[in-house]
Amino acid sequence: MTTDTVKRDAMERVGKFEIRIDRGDSTPEATTRWARRAEALSVWLLDEWKREIAGKGAC
């Protein structure tokens, strides 16, 4: 697997979740909304990853 493939796959897949993010037109409201959504998604993905890792350790 090449470095380009790894970078591309990492942006499209997080663990077992596949995501696609497209940006719309930039406005002050959109910038604020984008930051809130990115933070919420990051927190959720981190929590999912922690649960997945904790489950593997219990086996």
N, C-alpha and C. Protein backbone atom coordinates (compact mmCIF):
# COMPACT_ATOMS: atom_id res chain seq x y z
N MET A 1 0.85 -1.18 0.00
CA MET A 1 0.00 0.00 0.00
C MET A 1 0.89 1.23 0.00
N THR A 2 0.58 2.17 -0.86
CA THR A 2 1.40 3.37 -0.95
C THR A 2 0.98 4.39 0.10
N THR A 3 1.85 5.35 0.33
CA THR A 3 1.54 6.42 1.28
C THR A 3 0.30 7.18 0.85
N ASP A 4 0.16 7.45 -0.46
CA ASP A 4 -1.02 8.17 -0.95
C ASP A 4 -2.30 7.42 -0.61
N THR A 5 -2.29 6.10 -0.77
CA THR A 5 -3.47 5.29 -0.46
C THR A 5 -3.79 5.36 1.02
N VAL A 6 -2.77 5.28 1.86
CA VAL A 6 -2.99 5.34 3.31
C VAL A 6 -3.60 6.67 3.69
N LYS A 7 -3.06 7.77 3.17
CA LYS A 7 -3.59 9.09 3.49
C LYS A 7 -5.04 9.23 3.03
N ARG A 8 -5.34 8.78 1.81
CA ARG A 8 -6.69 8.89 1.29
C ARG A 8 -7.65 8.05 2.11
N ASP A 9 -7.29 6.81 2.40
CA ASP A 9 -8.15 5.91 3.17
C ASP A 9 -8.41 6.46 4.57
N ALA A 10 -7.41 7.05 5.19
CA ALA A 10 -7.57 7.60 6.54
C ALA A 10 -8.59 8.74 6.54
N MET A 11 -8.67 9.47 5.47
CA MET A 11 -9.62 10.57 5.39
C MET A 11 -11.04 10.07 5.13
N GLU A 12 -11.19 8.91 4.52
CA GLU A 12 -12.50 8.39 4.16
C GLU A 12 -13.02 7.37 5.16
N ARG A 13 -12.14 6.80 5.96
CA ARG A 13 -12.55 5.73 6.87
C ARG A 13 -11.94 5.99 8.24
N VAL A 14 -12.77 5.89 9.27
CA VAL A 14 -12.30 5.99 10.65
C VAL A 14 -12.80 4.75 11.35
N GLY A 15 -11.89 3.80 11.61
CA GLY A 15 -12.30 2.52 12.18
C GLY A 15 -13.27 1.84 11.24
N LYS A 16 -14.43 1.48 11.74
CA LYS A 16 -15.41 0.81 10.90
C LYS A 16 -16.38 1.80 10.24
N PHE A 17 -16.18 3.09 10.46
CA PHE A 17 -17.07 4.11 9.92
C PHE A 17 -16.48 4.72 8.66
N GLU A 18 -17.30 4.87 7.62
CA GLU A 18 -16.88 5.56 6.41
C GLU A 18 -17.57 6.91 6.40
N ILE A 19 -16.80 7.95 6.14
CA ILE A 19 -17.37 9.29 6.15
C ILE A 19 -16.97 10.05 4.90
N ARG A 20 -17.79 11.01 4.54
CA ARG A 20 -17.48 11.92 3.45
C ARG A 20 -17.86 13.32 3.91
N ILE A 21 -16.97 14.24 3.76
CA ILE A 21 -17.21 15.61 4.18
C ILE A 21 -17.01 16.52 2.99
N ASP A 22 -18.04 17.30 2.68
CA ASP A 22 -17.97 18.29 1.61
C ASP A 22 -18.25 19.65 2.23
N ARG A 23 -17.50 20.65 1.81
CA ARG A 23 -17.71 22.00 2.33
C ARG A 23 -18.58 22.80 1.37
N GLY A 24 -19.44 23.62 1.95
CA GLY A 24 -20.27 24.54 1.18
C GLY A 24 -19.61 25.90 1.12
N ASP A 25 -20.41 26.88 0.72
CA ASP A 25 -19.91 28.26 0.67
C ASP A 25 -19.55 28.74 2.07
N SER A 26 -18.51 29.55 2.14
CA SER A 26 -18.04 30.05 3.43
C SER A 26 -18.79 31.33 3.82
N THR A 27 -19.43 31.27 4.98
CA THR A 27 -20.07 32.44 5.58
C THR A 27 -19.69 32.42 7.05
N PRO A 28 -19.84 33.52 7.77
CA PRO A 28 -19.52 33.49 9.21
C PRO A 28 -20.32 32.43 9.96
N GLU A 29 -21.60 32.29 9.62
CA GLU A 29 -22.44 31.29 10.28
C GLU A 29 -21.97 29.87 9.95
N ALA A 30 -21.62 29.66 8.69
CA ALA A 30 -21.15 28.34 8.27
C ALA A 30 -19.83 27.99 8.95
N THR A 31 -18.96 28.96 9.12
CA THR A 31 -17.68 28.72 9.80
C THR A 31 -17.91 28.29 11.24
N THR A 32 -18.82 28.98 11.93
CA THR A 32 -19.14 28.62 13.32
C THR A 32 -19.77 27.24 13.38
N ARG A 33 -20.72 26.98 12.49
CA ARG A 33 -21.39 25.68 12.44
C ARG A 33 -20.39 24.57 12.14
N TRP A 34 -19.46 24.81 11.20
CA TRP A 34 -18.44 23.83 10.83
C TRP A 34 -17.58 23.47 12.04
N ALA A 35 -17.17 24.47 12.80
CA ALA A 35 -16.33 24.23 13.98
C ALA A 35 -17.08 23.41 15.02
N ARG A 36 -18.35 23.73 15.27
CA ARG A 36 -19.15 22.96 16.24
C ARG A 36 -19.33 21.52 15.79
N ARG A 37 -19.63 21.33 14.53
CA ARG A 37 -19.83 19.97 14.02
C ARG A 37 -18.54 19.16 14.04
N ALA A 38 -17.44 19.79 13.68
CA ALA A 38 -16.15 19.09 13.69
C ALA A 38 -15.80 18.66 15.11
N GLU A 39 -16.04 19.53 16.08
CA GLU A 39 -15.76 19.20 17.48
C GLU A 39 -16.65 18.05 17.95
N ALA A 40 -17.94 18.13 17.64
CA ALA A 40 -18.88 17.07 18.05
C ALA A 40 -18.51 15.73 17.41
N LEU A 41 -18.17 15.75 16.13
CA LEU A 41 -17.79 14.52 15.45
C LEU A 41 -16.50 13.95 16.03
N SER A 42 -15.54 14.80 16.33
CA SER A 42 -14.28 14.34 16.91
C SER A 42 -14.49 13.68 18.27
N VAL A 43 -15.31 14.30 19.10
CA VAL A 43 -15.60 13.74 20.42
C VAL A 43 -16.30 12.39 20.28
N TRP A 44 -17.28 12.31 19.40
CA TRP A 44 -18.03 11.07 19.19
C TRP A 44 -17.12 9.95 18.67
N LEU A 45 -16.30 10.26 17.66
CA LEU A 45 -15.40 9.25 17.11
C LEU A 45 -14.39 8.77 18.15
N LEU A 46 -13.87 9.67 18.96
CA LEU A 46 -12.93 9.28 20.01
C LEU A 46 -13.61 8.37 21.02
N ASP A 47 -14.84 8.70 21.41
CA ASP A 47 -15.59 7.85 22.34
C ASP A 47 -15.84 6.46 21.75
N GLU A 48 -16.21 6.41 20.47
CA GLU A 48 -16.43 5.12 19.80
C GLU A 48 -15.14 4.30 19.78
N TRP A 49 -14.02 4.95 19.48
CA TRP A 49 -12.73 4.26 19.43
C TRP A 49 -12.37 3.72 20.80
N LYS A 50 -12.58 4.54 21.85
CA LYS A 50 -12.27 4.09 23.21
C LYS A 50 -13.11 2.88 23.59
N ARG A 51 -14.42 2.89 23.23
CA ARG A 51 -15.28 1.73 23.51
C ARG A 51 -14.80 0.49 22.76
N GLU A 52 -14.40 0.69 21.51
CA GLU A 52 -13.91 -0.44 20.70
C GLU A 52 -12.64 -1.02 21.31
N ILE A 53 -11.71 -0.17 21.71
CA ILE A 53 -10.45 -0.62 22.31
C ILE A 53 -10.72 -1.32 23.64
N ALA A 54 -11.60 -0.76 24.45
CA ALA A 54 -11.93 -1.35 25.75
C ALA A 54 -12.54 -2.74 25.56
N GLY A 55 -13.36 -2.91 24.55
CA GLY A 55 -13.99 -4.20 24.27
C GLY A 55 -12.98 -5.24 23.84
N LYS A 56 -11.96 -4.84 23.10
CA LYS A 56 -10.92 -5.79 22.66
C LYS A 56 -10.07 -6.24 23.83
N GLY A 57 -9.87 -5.37 24.80
CA GLY A 57 -9.06 -5.72 25.96
C GLY A 57 -9.76 -6.69 26.90
N ALA A 58 -11.08 -6.72 26.84
CA ALA A 58 -11.85 -7.59 27.74
C ALA A 58 -11.88 -9.03 27.27
N CYS A 59 -11.52 -9.29 26.03
CA CYS A 59 -11.59 -10.65 25.49
C CYS A 59 -10.50 -11.55 26.02
